[in-house]
């Protein structure tokens, strides 16, 4: 039989407890590294949100696990992510150049 009062067994028990605690710590750090979504990439950007019942264009100001907060024509709109089909960056055409080609000038063809 083992004698728990012996110093060897005390160290053996400590080592066993340490080895059992390590996998839990590894799993916790692995969960922290997993990405939940790409929502933070949309904050502060103008977007076009395609929903089941149409399209909404506005600026994303905040996100949560289930909701997007968007400013549309000066009003706050909350969108449930379950009903969003896609989100695209809203491209604003440069109409100052007249051509809508980003201000690039093309050589005239003869």
Protein backbone atom coordinates (compact mmCIF):
# COMPACT_ATOMS: atom_id res chain seq x y z
CA UNK A 1 0.00 0.00 0.00
CA UNK A 2 1.03 3.61 -0.54
CA UNK A 3 1.75 5.87 2.36
CA UNK A 4 0.19 9.36 1.76
CA UNK A 5 2.47 10.85 4.43
CA UNK A 6 5.54 9.96 2.40
CA UNK A 7 7.00 13.02 0.55
CA UNK A 8 7.13 11.13 -2.76
CA UNK A 9 3.36 10.60 -2.86
CA UNK A 10 2.69 14.24 -2.04
CA UNK A 11 4.75 15.30 -5.07
CA UNK A 12 3.14 12.64 -7.25
CA UNK A 13 -0.34 13.91 -6.37
CA UNK A 14 0.71 17.51 -7.12
CA UNK A 15 2.06 16.51 -10.54
CA UNK A 16 -1.10 14.56 -11.32
CA UNK A 17 -3.29 17.54 -10.45
CA UNK A 18 -1.16 19.86 -12.63
CA UNK A 19 -1.40 17.53 -15.63
CA UNK A 20 -5.19 17.36 -15.28
CA UNK A 21 -5.52 21.17 -15.16
CA UNK A 22 -3.50 21.82 -18.35
CA UNK A 23 -6.01 20.48 -20.94
CA UNK A 24 -8.73 22.76 -19.55
CA UNK A 25 -6.46 25.80 -19.85
CA UNK A 26 -5.59 24.84 -23.43
CA UNK A 27 -9.26 24.51 -24.38
CA UNK A 28 -10.10 27.90 -22.85
CA UNK A 29 -7.32 29.65 -24.77
CA UNK A 30 -8.38 27.88 -27.98
CA UNK A 31 -11.97 29.12 -27.55
CA UNK A 32 -10.75 32.69 -27.08
CA UNK A 33 -8.88 32.60 -30.38
CA UNK A 34 -11.86 31.39 -32.40
CA UNK A 35 -13.55 34.14 -34.39
CA UNK A 36 -17.25 34.56 -33.72
CA UNK A 37 -17.90 36.57 -36.88
CA UNK A 38 -16.75 39.43 -39.06
CA UNK A 39 -19.11 42.00 -37.56
CA UNK A 40 -16.39 44.31 -36.29
CA UNK A 41 -15.18 44.83 -39.86
CA UNK A 42 -18.48 46.55 -40.74
CA UNK A 43 -18.59 49.07 -37.88
CA UNK A 44 -18.28 52.63 -39.21
CA UNK A 45 -18.75 51.64 -42.85
CA UNK A 46 -21.55 52.29 -45.32
CA UNK A 47 -23.18 49.02 -46.29
CA UNK A 48 -25.98 47.52 -48.32
CA UNK A 49 -27.86 44.88 -46.33
CA UNK A 50 -29.93 42.39 -48.30
CA UNK A 51 -32.75 41.00 -46.20
CA UNK A 52 -35.51 38.53 -46.85
CA UNK A 53 -37.87 41.47 -47.52
CA UNK A 54 -35.67 43.93 -49.44
CA UNK A 55 -32.48 45.96 -49.28
CA UNK A 56 -31.41 48.57 -46.71
CA UNK A 57 -28.53 51.01 -47.21
CA UNK A 58 -26.90 52.76 -44.28
CA UNK A 59 -23.92 53.05 -41.92
CA UNK A 60 -23.23 50.35 -39.32
CA UNK A 61 -22.65 51.99 -35.94
CA UNK A 62 -22.71 48.99 -33.60
CA UNK A 63 -23.02 45.20 -33.58
CA UNK A 64 -23.99 42.56 -31.05
CA UNK A 65 -24.37 38.80 -31.16
CA UNK A 66 -27.81 38.92 -32.81
CA UNK A 67 -28.30 42.54 -33.98
CA UNK A 68 -26.83 45.22 -36.26
CA UNK A 69 -27.45 48.87 -35.45
CA UNK A 70 -27.56 50.91 -38.66
CA UNK A 71 -28.19 54.60 -39.34
CA UNK A 72 -30.54 54.95 -42.33
CA UNK A 73 -31.43 58.50 -43.45
CA UNK A 74 -30.65 59.84 -39.98
CA UNK A 75 -32.77 57.22 -38.18
CA UNK A 76 -31.56 54.27 -36.12
CA UNK A 77 -32.58 50.85 -37.45
CA UNK A 78 -31.92 47.57 -35.65
CA UNK A 79 -31.62 44.51 -37.87
CA UNK A 80 -31.85 40.95 -36.61
CA UNK A 81 -28.99 38.95 -38.15
CA UNK A 82 -31.22 35.91 -38.63
CA UNK A 83 -33.07 37.76 -41.41
CA UNK A 84 -29.99 39.08 -43.22
CA UNK A 85 -29.07 37.31 -46.45
CA UNK A 86 -25.90 39.30 -47.22
CA UNK A 87 -23.96 42.45 -46.35
CA UNK A 88 -21.95 44.30 -49.00
CA UNK A 89 -19.88 47.45 -48.80
CA UNK A 90 -21.77 50.36 -50.29
CA UNK A 91 -19.79 51.79 -53.18
CA UNK A 92 -20.35 55.49 -53.69
CA UNK A 93 -19.83 56.47 -57.31
CA UNK A 94 -17.66 59.49 -57.95
CA UNK A 95 -19.93 61.68 -60.07
CA UNK A 96 -17.66 64.74 -59.91
CA UNK A 97 -15.56 63.43 -62.79
CA UNK A 98 -18.70 62.80 -64.82
CA UNK A 99 -17.69 59.35 -65.96
CA UNK A 100 -18.05 57.32 -62.80
CA UNK A 101 -14.67 55.66 -63.48
CA UNK A 102 -12.97 56.92 -60.31
CA UNK A 103 -11.62 60.08 -61.90
CA UNK A 104 -9.38 58.27 -64.36
CA UNK A 105 -9.08 59.80 -67.76
CA UNK A 106 -8.98 57.46 -70.69
CA UNK A 107 -7.17 58.37 -73.87
CA UNK A 108 -9.56 59.40 -76.60
CA UNK A 109 -9.85 56.97 -79.45
CA UNK A 110 -9.25 58.32 -82.93
